[in-house]
Amino acid sequence: MDSDKKEIAVNARKMEHEREIAKKSSPWIGYASTAYQLAIVVLSASILAVSMPMFWSSFVVAGIGIALSLNGLFLWF
């Protein structure tokens, strides 16, 4: 009985640690999603405005989204 409790406690601590990591990475994934959507909007606007600077800036915004996604995955910051 005591060994079962110890095993459950170890598993619970492991799951709590994983939950904390998910809590820390969640906002970064949300920011990345916003950046991707913004990149799509800027790209669409560049097509309508026939603007090459807006076209390339949409790729910059998408790159920022990629960086935010990677930060959410690896938690560099």
C-alpha atoms as a PDB file:
ATOM      1  CA  MET A   1       0.000   0.000   0.000  1.00  0.00           C
ATOM      2  CA  ASP A   2       2.764   2.461   0.909  1.00  0.00           C
ATOM      3  CA  SER A   3       4.728   1.597  -2.218  1.00  0.00           C
ATOM      4  CA  ASP A   4       1.651   2.389  -4.312  1.00  0.00           C
ATOM      5  CA  LYS A   5       1.331   5.782  -2.636  1.00  0.00           C
ATOM      6  CA  LYS A   6       5.006   6.525  -3.296  1.00  0.00           C
ATOM      7  CA  GLU A   7       4.642   5.523  -6.934  1.00  0.00           C
ATOM      8  CA  ILE A   8       1.550   7.703  -7.329  1.00  0.00           C
ATOM      9  CA  ALA A   9       3.353  10.630  -5.670  1.00  0.00           C
ATOM     10  CA  VAL A  10       6.289  10.301  -8.078  1.00  0.00           C
ATOM     11  CA  ASN A  11       3.930  10.199 -11.056  1.00  0.00           C
ATOM     12  CA  ALA A  12       2.011  13.208  -9.707  1.00  0.00           C
ATOM     13  CA  ARG A  13       5.189  15.273  -9.355  1.00  0.00           C
ATOM     14  CA  LYS A  14       6.201  14.361 -12.897  1.00  0.00           C
ATOM     15  CA  MET A  15       2.797  15.411 -14.222  1.00  0.00           C
ATOM     16  CA  GLU A  16       2.930  18.684 -12.253  1.00  0.00           C
ATOM     17  CA  HIS A  17       6.296  19.456 -13.805  1.00  0.00           C
ATOM     18  CA  GLU A  18       4.914  18.825 -17.301  1.00  0.00           C
ATOM     19  CA  ARG A  19       1.917  21.044 -16.503  1.00  0.00           C
ATOM     20  CA  GLU A  20       4.228  23.890 -15.461  1.00  0.00           C
ATOM     21  CA  ILE A  21       6.132  23.613 -18.733  1.00  0.00           C
ATOM     22  CA  ALA A  22       2.857  23.717 -20.678  1.00  0.00           C
ATOM     23  CA  LYS A  23       1.779  26.784 -18.689  1.00  0.00           C
ATOM     24  CA  LYS A  24       4.992  28.590 -19.587  1.00  0.00           C
ATOM     25  CA  SER A  25       4.859  27.745 -23.287  1.00  0.00           C
ATOM     26  CA  SER A  26       1.151  28.451 -23.848  1.00  0.00           C
ATOM     27  CA  PRO A  27       1.381  32.272 -24.116  1.00  0.00           C
ATOM     28  CA  TRP A  28       4.220  32.041 -26.629  1.00  0.00           C
ATOM     29  CA  ILE A  29       2.167  29.752 -28.856  1.00  0.00           C
ATOM     30  CA  GLY A  30      -0.710  32.241 -28.649  1.00  0.00           C
ATOM     31  CA  TYR A  31       1.564  35.115 -29.663  1.00  0.00           C
ATOM     32  CA  ALA A  32       2.866  33.039 -32.565  1.00  0.00           C
ATOM     33  CA  SER A  33      -0.670  32.346 -33.743  1.00  0.00           C
ATOM     34  CA  THR A  34      -1.402  36.068 -33.707  1.00  0.00           C
ATOM     35  CA  ALA A  35       1.754  36.768 -35.702  1.00  0.00           C
ATOM     36  CA  TYR A  36       0.812  34.147 -38.313  1.00  0.00           C
ATOM     37  CA  GLN A  37      -2.651  35.651 -38.704  1.00  0.00           C
ATOM     38  CA  LEU A  38      -1.167  39.122 -38.989  1.00  0.00           C
ATOM     39  CA  ALA A  39       1.235  37.874 -41.655  1.00  0.00           C
ATOM     40  CA  ILE A  40      -1.704  36.508 -43.643  1.00  0.00           C
ATOM     41  CA  VAL A  41      -3.527  39.839 -43.366  1.00  0.00           C
ATOM     42  CA  VAL A  42      -0.475  41.818 -44.465  1.00  0.00           C
ATOM     43  CA  LEU A  43       0.093  39.415 -47.363  1.00  0.00           C
ATOM     44  CA  SER A  44      -3.518  39.784 -48.481  1.00  0.00           C
ATOM     45  CA  ALA A  45      -3.297  43.554 -48.203  1.00  0.00           C
ATOM     46  CA  SER A  46      -0.088  43.552 -50.228  1.00  0.00           C
ATOM     47  CA  ILE A  47      -1.862  41.692 -53.018  1.00  0.00           C
ATOM     48  CA  LEU A  48      -4.725  44.195 -53.007  1.00  0.00           C
ATOM     49  CA  ALA A  49      -2.382  47.201 -52.811  1.00  0.00           C
ATOM     50  CA  VAL A  50       0.153  45.700 -55.258  1.00  0.00           C
ATOM     51  CA  SER A  51       2.916  46.582 -52.821  1.00  0.00           C
ATOM     52  CA  MET A  52       6.187  44.665 -52.759  1.00  0.00           C
ATOM     53  CA  PRO A  53       7.349  46.167 -49.429  1.00  0.00           C
ATOM     54  CA  MET A  54       4.164  44.897 -47.773  1.00  0.00           C
ATOM     55  CA  PHE A  55       4.680  41.548 -49.478  1.00  0.00           C
ATOM     56  CA  TRP A  56       8.142  41.138 -47.996  1.00  0.00           C
ATOM     57  CA  SER A  57       7.093  42.520 -44.610  1.00  0.00           C
ATOM     58  CA  SER A  58       4.516  39.742 -44.388  1.00  0.00           C
ATOM     59  CA  PHE A  59       7.401  37.262 -44.545  1.00  0.00           C
ATOM     60  CA  VAL A  60       9.165  39.171 -41.771  1.00  0.00           C
ATOM     61  CA  VAL A  61       6.050  38.937 -39.607  1.00  0.00           C
ATOM     62  CA  ALA A  62       5.767  35.220 -40.415  1.00  0.00           C
ATOM     63  CA  GLY A  63       9.421  34.820 -39.387  1.00  0.00           C
ATOM     64  CA  ILE A  64       8.637  36.477 -36.081  1.00  0.00           C
ATOM     65  CA  GLY A  65       5.790  33.996 -35.700  1.00  0.00           C
ATOM     66  CA  ILE A  66       8.183  31.125 -36.333  1.00  0.00           C
ATOM     67  CA  ALA A  67      10.584  32.511 -33.730  1.00  0.00           C
ATOM     68  CA  LEU A  68       7.753  32.799 -31.201  1.00  0.00           C
ATOM     69  CA  SER A  69       6.652  29.235 -31.948  1.00  0.00           C
ATOM     70  CA  LEU A  70      10.156  27.933 -31.431  1.00  0.00           C
ATOM     71  CA  ASN A  71      10.398  29.864 -28.184  1.00  0.00           C
ATOM     72  CA  GLY A  72       7.153  28.275 -27.055  1.00  0.00           C
ATOM     73  CA  LEU A  73       8.532  24.869 -27.942  1.00  0.00           C
ATOM     74  CA  PHE A  74      12.003  25.215 -26.415  1.00  0.00           C
ATOM     75  CA  LEU A  75      11.399  28.042 -23.864  1.00  0.00           C
ATOM     76  CA  TRP A  76      14.558  29.994 -24.630  1.00  0.00           C
ATOM     77  CA  PHE A  77      13.326  33.213 -23.003  1.00  0.00           C
END
